[in-house]
Structures are given as C-alpha cells and as structure tokens.
Amino acid sequence: MHPLVMKFGGTSVADAAAISRVVRIAAAAAAREPVVLVVSAMSGVTDELLQTCDLARSGNVDGVESRIRGVEARHGAVVGEIFRVQADDLLAHISSEFDEMRSVLRSVAVLRELTQRGADRVTAAGELMSSRIVAAALASAGTPATWLDARRVLITDDVHPVALPRLDETRTAAGREVLPVLEAGEVAVVGGFVGATADGITTTLGRGGSDLSASVLGAALHAREIQIWTDVDGMLTADPRLVDGAEVVPHLSFEEASELAYFGAKVLHPSTILPAVQDGIPVRILNTLRPDGAGSLITRHVTSGDGALTALACKRNITVVDVTSTRMLLAHGFLRRVFEVFEQHATSVDVVTTSEVSVSMTLDDDRRLGAIERDLRLIADVQVERGMAIVSAVGDNLRRDSTLAVRLIVALDGLPLRMVSQAASRRNLTVVLADRDVPAAMERLHQKFFAPARSAR
C-alpha cells in the first residue's frame, strides 16, 4: 500500500468554511486511494498559545485565562458551525484538552518558570484539536475517518521544542497505528508539528513542523506522493509582493526546492522535504482555494528546461558581520575560532565569503548578536551592518551554463553588491545588498530571466 499523504496548513483550516473545503478535497482523494491527512493548528492558534505561555511565566493568571477562553471559544464556534447535530463527544475531547492546558499553565504561573517540555505540551494542543475537528467533519460528511493521536505515530528525540523525528521508530509506530485504519478503508487524520519521545513525552518539531510531519510520515508509509496544501498556487518564480507577473514553477528538483526554501521562499520550510528526498517520494504543492490547479511538483530528477533559472528568492532585513584578523594574515585556526563563537551562541549563518584577512557572514537571527560581537572582539576586529538583504537565483542550469552567473551580475549593474557567493553545489548564486535595493534587484532579474520565457509562449 502506497497512500497519498495530504498536509493542510493553518490557513487551510482557519475556520468552518476552510475546513469544509478541506473535507471536500480529502473526500475526493479518498474515493480514489488510501489517504493520510496531516493537519496544522488553526491559523494563529500556535502564536496565541505561545503568548499564553509567556503570560503564565510572568504570573498573569487572569491574562492566561482570558486567552485560553478566547481560543476555546474559537474552536467551539467552528464546531458549532460545521456540525448540524450535537457533537458532544468532540466538544468533550476539546474541553479535556483545554483542561489539561490550564493545569500546565497554572503550574507555570505559580512557579514563574516555563520549561520547554511544558511549552511543548501547551502548543501541541492546537494541532491535536484541529485534527480532531477535521476527522469528525469528514466522518459527518460521509467519508469514514479516524483521528489518530500524533504522539502515538511520530516518534522523536527529546530536544524540546525542536525535536527531530526518529524514522525507524516512526515507521514501526505508523505501521501499528496508521496502516490498520487505511486497510479498513478509512482516512487516517493526525495533527502535524506534534510527536512524542519513546517514553510518551509530548514534543514539537519547531516552525514548519507540520510539513516535516507529512514528509516523515510519507517516508515511513512509503507514500505515493506527499501533498502540501497551502494558500498559494505552488512555488513561484519570485515573491509576488515584489515582482509583477511571478508564475508557478511547474516542476523542480528537490535540491532546487531546498535552496529556494532556505533562501526565503516561504512555501516550504528548508527541512521539510529531507525525508521525502531520501526516499525519492514526490512532493506537490497545491492551493486549497484552487484545488484544480496543477501546483508545483518536486522530484529527485527534472529534465532541464529552456528556462535559465528556476526561481528567485530573497531574505529581507538580515545583518552582515565582518570579522577581520588583527594579524596580517589569517592565523591557523582563526576560522575555527570564529565559527565556534556562533556555535556557542546557537546562531546559524547563511552566506559566508572569505578573503586573506577577513570573513563576512550574514545572519537572519540577530537576537544574540551583542554577545557574539563581544566574544568575536577577543580575537578580531568586528563590524556589523544591519538593514541588508539576500537575493538568491536558483536553478540546476547554473551548474551547466557558466555564463549565467555573469549575466546575473550584469543585470544588477548599478546596485551596490555587498557580497557575492555561489554554493558548492553551484545550484544558486547569492548576492547581498542593501534591503532598500531588493525590489529593484528582484524586478530586474525577473525581467531578464523570466519575461523572455513568457514572451516566447
């Protein structure tokens, strides 16, 4: 059995109307083949729960209760709108989930201490509740469906709140929990983002976790295809907020998709498709609002098309850190010591360029920059420049056509470039420039490399 895994994001289950669309889409798929649904929390709920955790840590009991009541009322209203008959069992499960949340948050408020383990238990509730609602809505509409507790299906390590799935254990658990449901001809519905350790302790997978859940379960179940249903038509040639005429990329490779995700394309989280890549399972991105669209298909191999590039991506408001050796030449071990500082402060760098005496890096997370700068000054001179951005051009053809990099840089003539880097894979060319120049850079590159293809059609 090779089921279809369908993941629906927060905007796809944001309210009763959205959930009704999901039910129609899933029911149509389930009429053709076995289906596993992976469901995110309703849009905005995880952020609400995180803010509730912060209120509890500060001891604000009234604020905690006010927010919990608001989230509970939202779920209750959705249930009331979807089900024409009483849904007492469903409401009882949701009420029980909120009671457990309140217990955790009261303890936090008393102790004024929030552990990551406690936060995971609270934030997991969003997916647990929304997936229950979707499963009940499917069954009510005539499509047999069973809700499965994601904590019995997806097994992880114990690193809170960014646990990593353990694929072998998950494969065993999915065989035990999911396959019997599919063999009975029912849709299996699980919450994304949520898992548990082998000891049953609730964990979460961090931002983008629902997509990762779908990819892991797809690999564990040897899925035919993994579908990521969201509110856009697929991977686009550029950010439509910056570029007029951005179009869907119909087919791209796993590597291209990963590069685009890492450098700012918001449709996928960079870590999402790794399990699918390893098992060669196709991933398709589709729009819940336009379910008849072809979307974007991501596979291991793609026949090189006529387009020079596959797409553009950008990261805004990043910080550049220049580290210059205080000696004339880079001493042995200098780079190691520089990167050890970033490791000590749990901060990743995106783009790196080096010269004989200096190294420049970009950060999109500068929360620990003060401490990083302090430690770096013990071994080097440091300069920090904020208000910068990364623009990345991605495409497998960059490996094959050595003229593409030159054409790309020429297209940006007149825009001051702070850094230029090409990855070892030679699948992307990245430039760093002032954030204010991003719209002009994206528009120029899109006109240069994508407008001619549209004209040819």
Protein backbone atom coordinates (compact mmCIF):
# COMPACT_ATOMS: atom_id res chain seq x y z
CA MET A 1 0.00 0.00 0.00
CA HIS A 2 1.35 3.40 -1.04
CA PRO A 3 -1.02 6.03 0.39
CA LEU A 4 -1.38 9.67 -0.52
CA VAL A 5 -0.25 11.97 2.31
CA MET A 6 -2.05 15.33 2.29
CA LYS A 7 -0.93 18.09 4.63
CA PHE A 8 -3.19 21.10 5.22
CA GLY A 9 -1.70 24.25 6.72
CA GLY A 10 -3.17 26.68 9.23
CA THR A 11 -4.87 28.92 6.69
CA SER A 12 -6.48 25.82 5.14
CA VAL A 13 -8.23 25.03 8.45
CA ALA A 14 -8.63 28.59 9.73
CA ASP A 15 -12.42 28.48 10.12
CA ALA A 16 -15.51 26.39 9.37
CA ALA A 17 -15.61 27.36 5.69
CA ALA A 18 -11.95 26.45 5.24
CA ILE A 19 -12.40 23.09 6.98
CA SER A 20 -15.38 22.35 4.73
CA ARG A 21 -13.13 22.90 1.70
CA VAL A 22 -10.56 20.52 3.17
CA VAL A 23 -13.27 17.90 3.68
CA ARG A 24 -14.34 18.13 0.03
CA ILE A 25 -10.75 17.89 -1.24
CA ALA A 26 -9.86 14.99 1.05
CA ALA A 27 -13.09 13.12 0.32
CA ALA A 28 -12.47 13.32 -3.44
CA ALA A 29 -8.95 11.94 -2.96
CA ALA A 30 -10.12 9.20 -0.58
CA ALA A 31 -12.59 7.97 -3.21
CA ARG A 32 -9.57 7.08 -5.39
CA GLU A 33 -6.87 5.86 -2.99
CA PRO A 34 -5.82 5.48 0.67
CA VAL A 35 -5.29 8.88 2.29
CA VAL A 36 -3.45 10.16 5.35
CA LEU A 37 -4.29 13.73 6.40
CA VAL A 38 -1.78 15.80 8.37
CA VAL A 39 -3.44 18.89 9.85
CA SER A 40 -1.92 22.07 11.27
CA ALA A 41 -3.42 24.16 14.06
CA MET A 42 -5.95 26.78 13.00
CA SER A 43 -4.21 29.88 11.70
CA GLY A 44 -2.81 31.96 14.56
CA VAL A 45 -3.57 29.46 17.33
CA THR A 46 0.03 28.37 17.96
CA ASP A 47 1.10 32.01 18.36
CA GLU A 48 -1.79 32.55 20.79
CA LEU A 49 -0.70 29.56 22.84
CA LEU A 50 2.92 30.74 22.91
CA GLN A 51 1.79 34.15 24.15
CA THR A 52 -0.32 32.40 26.78
CA CYS A 53 2.81 30.57 27.96
CA ASP A 54 4.60 33.93 28.32
CA LEU A 55 1.71 35.31 30.38
CA ALA A 56 1.83 32.26 32.63
CA ARG A 57 5.58 32.64 33.13
CA SER A 58 5.01 36.21 34.30
CA GLY A 59 2.35 35.05 36.75
CA ASN A 60 -0.53 36.76 34.93
CA VAL A 61 -3.25 34.23 35.76
CA ASP A 62 -6.10 36.47 34.59
CA GLY A 63 -4.38 37.07 31.25
CA VAL A 64 -3.84 33.32 30.80
CA GLU A 65 -7.49 32.54 31.44
CA SER A 66 -8.65 35.30 29.11
CA ARG A 67 -6.56 34.00 26.22
CA ILE A 68 -7.48 30.38 26.85
CA ARG A 69 -11.17 31.29 26.85
CA GLY A 70 -10.71 33.10 23.54
CA VAL A 71 -9.00 30.12 21.86
CA GLU A 72 -11.57 27.74 23.34
CA ALA A 73 -14.46 29.89 22.10
CA ARG A 74 -12.96 29.96 18.60
CA HIS A 75 -12.81 26.16 18.43
CA GLY A 76 -16.28 25.83 19.89
CA ALA A 77 -17.70 28.25 17.33
CA VAL A 78 -16.13 26.29 14.46
CA VAL A 79 -17.57 23.04 15.78
CA GLY A 80 -20.99 24.65 16.14
CA GLU A 81 -20.88 25.95 12.58
CA ILE A 82 -19.72 22.69 10.96
CA PHE A 83 -21.99 20.19 12.70
CA ARG A 84 -25.72 20.49 12.34
CA VAL A 85 -26.25 17.85 15.02
CA GLN A 86 -24.82 17.77 18.52
CA ALA A 87 -21.11 16.97 18.61
CA ASP A 88 -20.91 16.20 22.31
CA ASP A 89 -18.05 13.69 22.07
CA LEU A 90 -15.93 16.08 20.02
CA LEU A 91 -16.63 19.01 22.34
CA ALA A 92 -15.80 16.81 25.34
CA HIS A 93 -12.39 15.93 23.82
CA ILE A 94 -11.68 19.60 23.10
CA SER A 95 -12.76 20.59 26.61
CA SER A 96 -10.46 17.94 28.07
CA GLU A 97 -7.56 19.34 26.02
CA PHE A 98 -8.18 22.82 27.42
CA ASP A 99 -8.45 21.48 30.97
CA GLU A 100 -5.03 19.86 30.59
CA MET A 101 -3.61 23.09 29.19
CA ARG A 102 -4.98 25.03 32.13
CA SER A 103 -3.34 22.61 34.56
CA VAL A 104 0.06 23.06 32.94
CA LEU A 105 -0.29 26.84 32.76
CA ARG A 106 -1.42 27.16 36.39
CA SER A 107 1.73 25.32 37.47
CA VAL A 108 3.82 27.66 35.31
CA ALA A 109 2.12 30.72 36.80
CA VAL A 110 2.74 29.54 40.36
CA LEU A 111 6.38 28.64 39.81
CA ARG A 112 7.05 31.56 37.39
CA GLU A 113 9.04 29.06 35.38
CA LEU A 114 8.29 27.65 31.94
CA THR A 115 10.18 24.58 30.80
CA GLN A 116 10.45 23.79 27.09
CA ARG A 117 8.76 20.50 27.87
CA GLY A 118 5.81 22.36 29.38
CA ALA A 119 5.62 24.76 26.45
CA ASP A 120 5.56 21.83 24.04
CA ARG A 121 2.60 20.31 25.86
CA VAL A 122 0.65 23.57 25.58
CA THR A 123 1.47 24.40 21.94
CA ALA A 124 0.80 20.82 20.80
CA ALA A 125 -2.86 21.34 21.68
CA GLY A 126 -3.56 23.41 18.56
CA GLU A 127 -2.85 20.54 16.18
CA LEU A 128 -4.46 17.93 18.41
CA MET A 129 -7.73 19.86 18.43
CA SER A 130 -7.86 20.94 14.77
CA SER A 131 -7.10 17.42 13.56
CA ARG A 132 -9.90 16.03 15.75
CA ILE A 133 -12.32 18.53 14.22
CA VAL A 134 -11.26 17.66 10.65
CA ALA A 135 -11.61 13.91 11.31
CA ALA A 136 -15.09 14.40 12.76
CA ALA A 137 -16.07 16.69 9.86
CA LEU A 138 -15.00 14.07 7.32
CA ALA A 139 -16.97 11.34 9.06
CA SER A 140 -20.01 13.60 9.37
CA ALA A 141 -19.86 14.31 5.62
CA GLY A 142 -19.88 10.61 4.79
CA THR A 143 -16.17 9.82 4.41
CA PRO A 144 -15.06 7.27 7.04
CA ALA A 145 -12.18 8.76 9.02
CA THR A 146 -10.29 8.01 12.21
CA TRP A 147 -8.41 10.51 14.35
CA LEU A 148 -5.01 9.30 15.49
CA ASP A 149 -3.00 10.89 18.27
CA ALA A 150 0.19 12.10 16.57
CA ARG A 151 2.09 11.31 19.76
CA ARG A 152 1.50 7.61 19.12
CA VAL A 153 2.50 7.88 15.47
CA LEU A 154 5.50 10.19 15.18
CA ILE A 155 8.39 9.27 17.48
CA THR A 156 11.10 11.86 18.14
CA ASP A 157 14.15 12.59 20.24
CA ASP A 158 13.75 14.68 23.41
CA VAL A 159 15.13 18.01 22.19
CA HIS A 160 12.37 20.49 23.10
CA PRO A 161 10.99 22.49 21.22
CA VAL A 162 12.73 21.41 18.01
CA ALA A 163 12.60 17.63 18.30
CA LEU A 164 13.87 15.53 15.40
CA PRO A 165 11.82 12.55 14.21
CA ARG A 166 13.29 9.08 14.56
CA LEU A 167 12.36 7.45 11.27
CA ASP A 168 12.83 3.79 12.22
CA GLU A 169 10.68 4.10 15.36
CA THR A 170 8.13 6.19 13.45
CA ARG A 171 7.96 3.57 10.70
CA THR A 172 7.12 0.94 13.31
CA ALA A 173 4.56 3.17 15.03
CA ALA A 174 2.92 4.16 11.73
CA GLY A 175 2.64 0.51 10.76
CA ARG A 176 0.93 -0.22 14.06
CA GLU A 177 -1.36 2.85 14.21
CA VAL A 178 -1.96 4.09 10.65
CA LEU A 179 -1.96 1.04 8.37
CA PRO A 180 -4.92 -0.69 10.07
CA VAL A 181 -7.01 2.45 9.53
CA LEU A 182 -6.09 2.60 5.84
CA GLU A 183 -6.70 -1.13 5.39
CA ALA A 184 -10.18 -0.62 6.84
CA GLY A 185 -10.87 1.88 4.05
CA GLU A 186 -10.81 4.95 6.31
CA VAL A 187 -8.91 8.22 6.14
CA ALA A 188 -6.26 8.48 8.86
CA VAL A 189 -6.12 12.01 10.34
CA VAL A 190 -3.22 13.20 12.52
CA GLY A 191 -2.02 16.54 13.78
CA GLY A 192 1.21 17.88 12.35
CA PHE A 193 4.03 19.56 14.31
CA VAL A 194 3.47 17.17 17.24
CA GLY A 195 5.22 13.97 18.26
CA ALA A 196 6.41 12.22 21.37
CA THR A 197 9.54 10.59 22.71
CA ALA A 198 9.74 6.81 23.02
CA ASP A 199 8.64 7.36 26.65
CA GLY A 200 5.50 9.19 25.53
CA ILE A 201 6.58 12.74 26.42
CA THR A 202 4.95 15.31 24.12
CA THR A 203 7.34 17.08 21.73
CA THR A 204 7.02 19.60 18.91
CA LEU A 205 9.05 19.87 15.72
CA GLY A 206 9.54 23.64 15.57
CA ARG A 207 8.43 26.06 12.85
CA GLY A 208 7.50 24.25 9.66
CA GLY A 209 6.89 21.18 11.78
CA SER A 210 3.61 20.17 10.14
CA ASP A 211 5.29 19.95 6.74
CA LEU A 212 8.05 17.89 8.32
CA SER A 213 5.45 15.60 9.91
CA ALA A 214 3.95 14.97 6.48
CA SER A 215 7.33 14.24 4.95
CA VAL A 216 8.34 11.86 7.75
CA LEU A 217 5.02 10.00 7.67
CA GLY A 218 5.22 9.84 3.89
CA ALA A 219 8.64 8.22 4.13
CA ALA A 220 7.52 5.89 6.95
CA LEU A 221 4.48 4.72 4.94
CA HIS A 222 6.24 4.64 1.53
CA ALA A 223 3.72 7.15 0.22
CA ARG A 224 2.92 7.51 -3.45
CA GLU A 225 3.04 11.30 -3.10
CA ILE A 226 3.14 13.96 -0.40
CA GLN A 227 0.92 16.97 -1.00
CA ILE A 228 1.41 20.27 0.83
CA TRP A 229 -1.86 22.22 0.66
CA THR A 230 -1.48 25.91 1.41
CA ASP A 231 -2.81 29.31 0.31
CA VAL A 232 -0.61 29.80 -2.77
CA ASP A 233 -0.59 28.04 -6.13
CA GLY A 234 2.85 26.49 -5.67
CA MET A 235 6.49 27.56 -5.74
CA LEU A 236 6.63 30.85 -7.67
CA THR A 237 9.35 32.31 -9.83
CA ALA A 238 9.58 35.23 -7.37
CA ASP A 239 7.78 36.80 -4.43
CA PRO A 240 4.60 38.26 -6.00
CA ARG A 241 4.67 41.09 -3.47
CA LEU A 242 7.88 42.29 -5.09
CA VAL A 243 7.54 41.22 -8.71
CA ASP A 244 4.61 41.60 -11.08
CA GLY A 245 3.98 38.54 -13.22
CA ALA A 246 5.51 35.92 -10.90
CA GLU A 247 4.41 32.49 -12.12
CA VAL A 248 4.14 28.99 -10.74
CA VAL A 249 7.17 26.76 -11.26
CA PRO A 250 5.53 23.57 -12.56
CA HIS A 251 8.41 21.16 -11.88
CA LEU A 252 11.61 21.50 -9.89
CA SER A 253 14.14 19.26 -8.21
CA PHE A 254 14.42 18.51 -4.50
CA GLU A 255 17.69 20.42 -4.43
CA GLU A 256 16.22 23.49 -6.10
CA ALA A 257 13.24 23.47 -3.74
CA SER A 258 15.53 23.18 -0.71
CA GLU A 259 17.69 26.09 -1.88
CA LEU A 260 14.63 28.28 -2.51
CA ALA A 261 13.14 27.40 0.88
CA TYR A 262 16.41 28.13 2.67
CA PHE A 263 16.86 31.49 0.96
CA GLY A 264 13.43 32.86 1.69
CA ALA A 265 10.68 31.16 -0.32
CA LYS A 266 8.01 30.79 2.38
CA VAL A 267 6.02 27.95 0.82
CA LEU A 268 8.25 25.26 2.32
CA HIS A 269 10.39 25.12 5.43
CA PRO A 270 14.02 24.25 4.49
CA SER A 271 14.00 20.99 6.47
CA THR A 272 10.59 19.87 5.27
CA ILE A 273 11.33 17.59 2.38
CA LEU A 274 14.53 15.86 3.53
CA PRO A 275 12.81 12.56 4.45
CA ALA A 276 10.97 12.65 1.12
CA VAL A 277 14.26 13.34 -0.69
CA GLN A 278 15.91 10.36 0.93
CA ASP A 279 13.09 8.05 -0.16
CA GLY A 280 12.53 9.70 -3.55
CA ILE A 281 8.86 10.46 -2.80
CA PRO A 282 7.38 13.24 -4.99
CA VAL A 283 6.16 16.35 -3.17
CA ARG A 284 3.43 18.50 -4.69
CA ILE A 285 2.43 22.00 -3.51
CA LEU A 286 -1.22 22.90 -4.08
CA ASN A 287 -3.65 25.70 -3.26
CA THR A 288 -6.66 24.84 -1.11
CA LEU A 289 -8.57 27.74 -2.66
CA ARG A 290 -7.88 26.46 -6.19
CA PRO A 291 -7.80 22.68 -5.84
CA ASP A 292 -7.97 22.08 -9.60
CA GLY A 293 -4.59 23.74 -10.18
CA ALA A 294 -1.58 21.61 -11.10
CA GLY A 295 0.61 23.23 -8.44
CA SER A 296 4.36 22.61 -8.27
CA LEU A 297 5.79 19.11 -8.42
CA ILE A 298 9.10 18.45 -6.66
CA THR A 299 11.01 15.31 -7.63
CA ARG A 300 14.51 13.93 -7.47
CA HIS A 301 15.21 14.40 -11.18
CA VAL A 302 13.98 17.12 -13.52
CA THR A 303 14.59 17.33 -17.24
CA SER A 304 16.38 20.62 -17.84
CA GLY A 305 14.01 23.06 -19.49
CA ASP A 306 14.60 26.10 -21.62
CA GLY A 307 14.49 28.46 -18.65
CA ALA A 308 17.91 29.56 -17.50
CA LEU A 309 16.83 29.84 -13.86
CA THR A 310 14.15 28.09 -11.87
CA ALA A 311 13.18 30.88 -9.45
CA LEU A 312 14.33 33.78 -7.32
CA ALA A 313 14.13 34.09 -3.53
CA CYS A 314 15.06 36.73 -1.01
CA LYS A 315 15.55 37.22 2.71
CA ARG A 316 14.89 40.72 3.99
CA ASN A 317 16.37 42.65 6.92
CA ILE A 318 19.40 40.50 7.54
CA THR A 319 22.65 41.53 9.25
CA VAL A 320 26.18 41.34 7.85
CA VAL A 321 29.05 40.66 10.25
CA ASP A 322 32.62 41.35 9.06
CA VAL A 323 35.39 39.75 11.09
CA THR A 324 38.95 40.84 10.30
CA SER A 325 42.03 39.20 11.73
CA THR A 326 44.14 41.52 13.86
CA ARG A 327 47.21 39.88 12.32
CA MET A 328 48.43 40.50 8.79
CA LEU A 329 47.37 37.03 7.64
CA LEU A 330 44.73 34.64 8.90
CA ALA A 331 46.37 32.58 11.60
CA HIS A 332 45.96 28.82 11.72
CA GLY A 333 42.68 28.02 13.47
CA PHE A 334 41.25 31.54 13.04
CA LEU A 335 38.16 30.45 11.09
CA ARG A 336 37.54 27.62 13.52
CA ARG A 337 37.56 30.05 16.44
CA VAL A 338 35.21 32.44 14.60
CA PHE A 339 32.62 29.77 13.90
CA GLU A 340 32.95 28.34 17.39
CA VAL A 341 31.60 31.67 18.68
CA PHE A 342 28.47 31.33 16.55
CA GLU A 343 28.07 27.73 17.65
CA GLN A 344 28.37 28.67 21.32
CA HIS A 345 25.54 31.17 20.87
CA ALA A 346 23.37 28.77 18.82
CA THR A 347 23.26 31.14 15.84
CA SER A 348 23.42 29.98 12.23
CA VAL A 349 24.97 31.92 9.36
CA ASP A 350 23.54 31.97 5.84
CA VAL A 351 26.14 33.33 3.41
CA VAL A 352 29.89 33.29 4.00
CA THR A 353 32.69 34.89 1.99
CA THR A 354 36.36 34.95 2.93
CA SER A 355 39.49 36.79 1.90
CA GLU A 356 43.08 36.54 3.08
CA VAL A 357 42.44 38.52 6.24
CA SER A 358 38.68 38.61 6.79
CA VAL A 359 35.46 36.65 6.77
CA SER A 360 31.99 38.09 6.16
CA MET A 361 28.76 36.36 7.23
CA THR A 362 25.05 37.07 7.11
CA LEU A 363 22.60 36.38 9.94
CA ASP A 364 18.83 36.41 9.80
CA ASP A 365 18.60 35.94 13.57
CA ASP A 366 20.50 38.65 15.45
CA ARG A 367 18.96 38.10 18.90
CA ARG A 368 22.33 37.04 20.32
CA LEU A 369 24.42 39.42 18.24
CA GLY A 370 25.57 41.50 21.21
CA ALA A 371 27.16 38.50 22.91
CA ILE A 372 28.54 37.21 19.61
CA GLU A 373 30.16 40.57 18.85
CA ARG A 374 31.67 40.74 22.35
CA ASP A 375 33.26 37.29 22.01
CA LEU A 376 34.50 37.90 18.46
CA ARG A 377 36.27 41.10 19.54
CA LEU A 378 38.55 38.97 21.71
CA ILE A 379 40.14 37.54 18.56
CA ALA A 380 39.44 40.04 15.75
CA ASP A 381 38.08 43.40 14.65
CA VAL A 382 34.33 43.28 14.08
CA GLN A 383 31.97 45.43 12.01
CA VAL A 384 28.19 44.98 11.93
CA GLU A 385 25.91 46.25 9.19
CA ARG A 386 22.15 45.96 9.53
CA GLY A 387 19.43 46.65 7.00
CA MET A 388 20.81 44.25 4.39
CA ALA A 389 19.17 41.52 2.33
CA ILE A 390 19.93 38.32 0.41
CA VAL A 391 18.76 37.77 -3.14
CA SER A 392 19.31 34.27 -4.47
CA ALA A 393 18.89 32.96 -8.00
CA VAL A 394 18.31 29.20 -8.07
CA GLY A 395 18.43 26.67 -10.85
CA ASP A 396 20.17 23.45 -11.83
CA ASN A 397 21.22 25.16 -15.07
CA LEU A 398 23.69 27.30 -13.09
CA ARG A 399 25.83 24.17 -12.93
CA ARG A 400 25.74 23.68 -16.68
CA ASP A 401 25.95 27.20 -18.10
CA SER A 402 28.93 29.19 -16.88
CA THR A 403 27.60 32.37 -18.50
CA LEU A 404 24.52 32.56 -16.26
CA ALA A 405 26.42 33.96 -13.27
CA VAL A 406 27.92 36.70 -15.40
CA ARG A 407 24.54 37.61 -16.91
CA LEU A 408 23.02 37.75 -13.46
CA ILE A 409 25.64 40.12 -12.09
CA VAL A 410 25.42 42.32 -15.18
CA ALA A 411 21.65 42.57 -14.71
CA LEU A 412 22.32 44.12 -11.30
CA ASP A 413 24.69 46.77 -12.69
CA GLY A 414 24.45 49.97 -10.67
CA LEU A 415 23.19 48.31 -7.50
CA PRO A 416 25.98 48.13 -4.90
CA LEU A 417 26.61 44.47 -4.05
CA ARG A 418 27.97 43.81 -0.59
CA MET A 419 28.75 40.09 -1.07
CA VAL A 420 28.55 37.57 -3.91
CA SER A 421 28.59 33.82 -3.27
CA GLN A 422 27.97 30.66 -5.25
CA ALA A 423 27.26 27.48 -3.29
CA ALA A 424 29.44 24.42 -3.65
CA SER A 425 26.53 22.71 -5.42
CA ARG A 426 26.63 25.58 -7.98
CA ARG A 427 22.85 25.46 -7.90
CA ASN A 428 22.39 29.01 -6.61
CA LEU A 429 24.08 32.36 -6.94
CA THR A 430 23.52 34.65 -3.99
CA VAL A 431 24.14 38.37 -3.61
CA VAL A 432 23.92 40.52 -0.52
CA LEU A 433 22.84 44.11 -0.94
CA ALA A 434 21.01 46.88 0.89
CA ASP A 435 17.45 45.92 1.80
CA ARG A 436 16.12 49.05 0.06
CA ASP A 437 17.51 47.73 -3.26
CA VAL A 438 15.68 44.37 -3.10
CA PRO A 439 12.59 45.39 -5.12
CA ALA A 440 14.73 46.77 -7.94
CA ALA A 441 17.04 43.74 -7.92
CA MET A 442 14.20 41.23 -7.98
CA GLU A 443 12.37 43.09 -10.74
CA ARG A 444 15.50 43.33 -12.91
CA LEU A 445 16.37 39.67 -12.53
CA HIS A 446 12.80 38.54 -13.17
CA GLN A 447 12.59 40.66 -16.31
CA LYS A 448 15.95 39.37 -17.51
CA PHE A 449 15.43 35.66 -16.94
CA PHE A 450 11.67 35.03 -16.85
CA ALA A 451 9.97 37.68 -19.00
CA PRO A 452 11.57 36.34 -22.23
CA ALA A 453 10.14 32.87 -21.48
CA ARG A 454 6.67 34.36 -21.09
CA SER A 455 7.04 36.29 -24.35
CA ALA A 456 8.05 33.11 -26.17
CA ARG A 457 4.82 31.45 -25.08
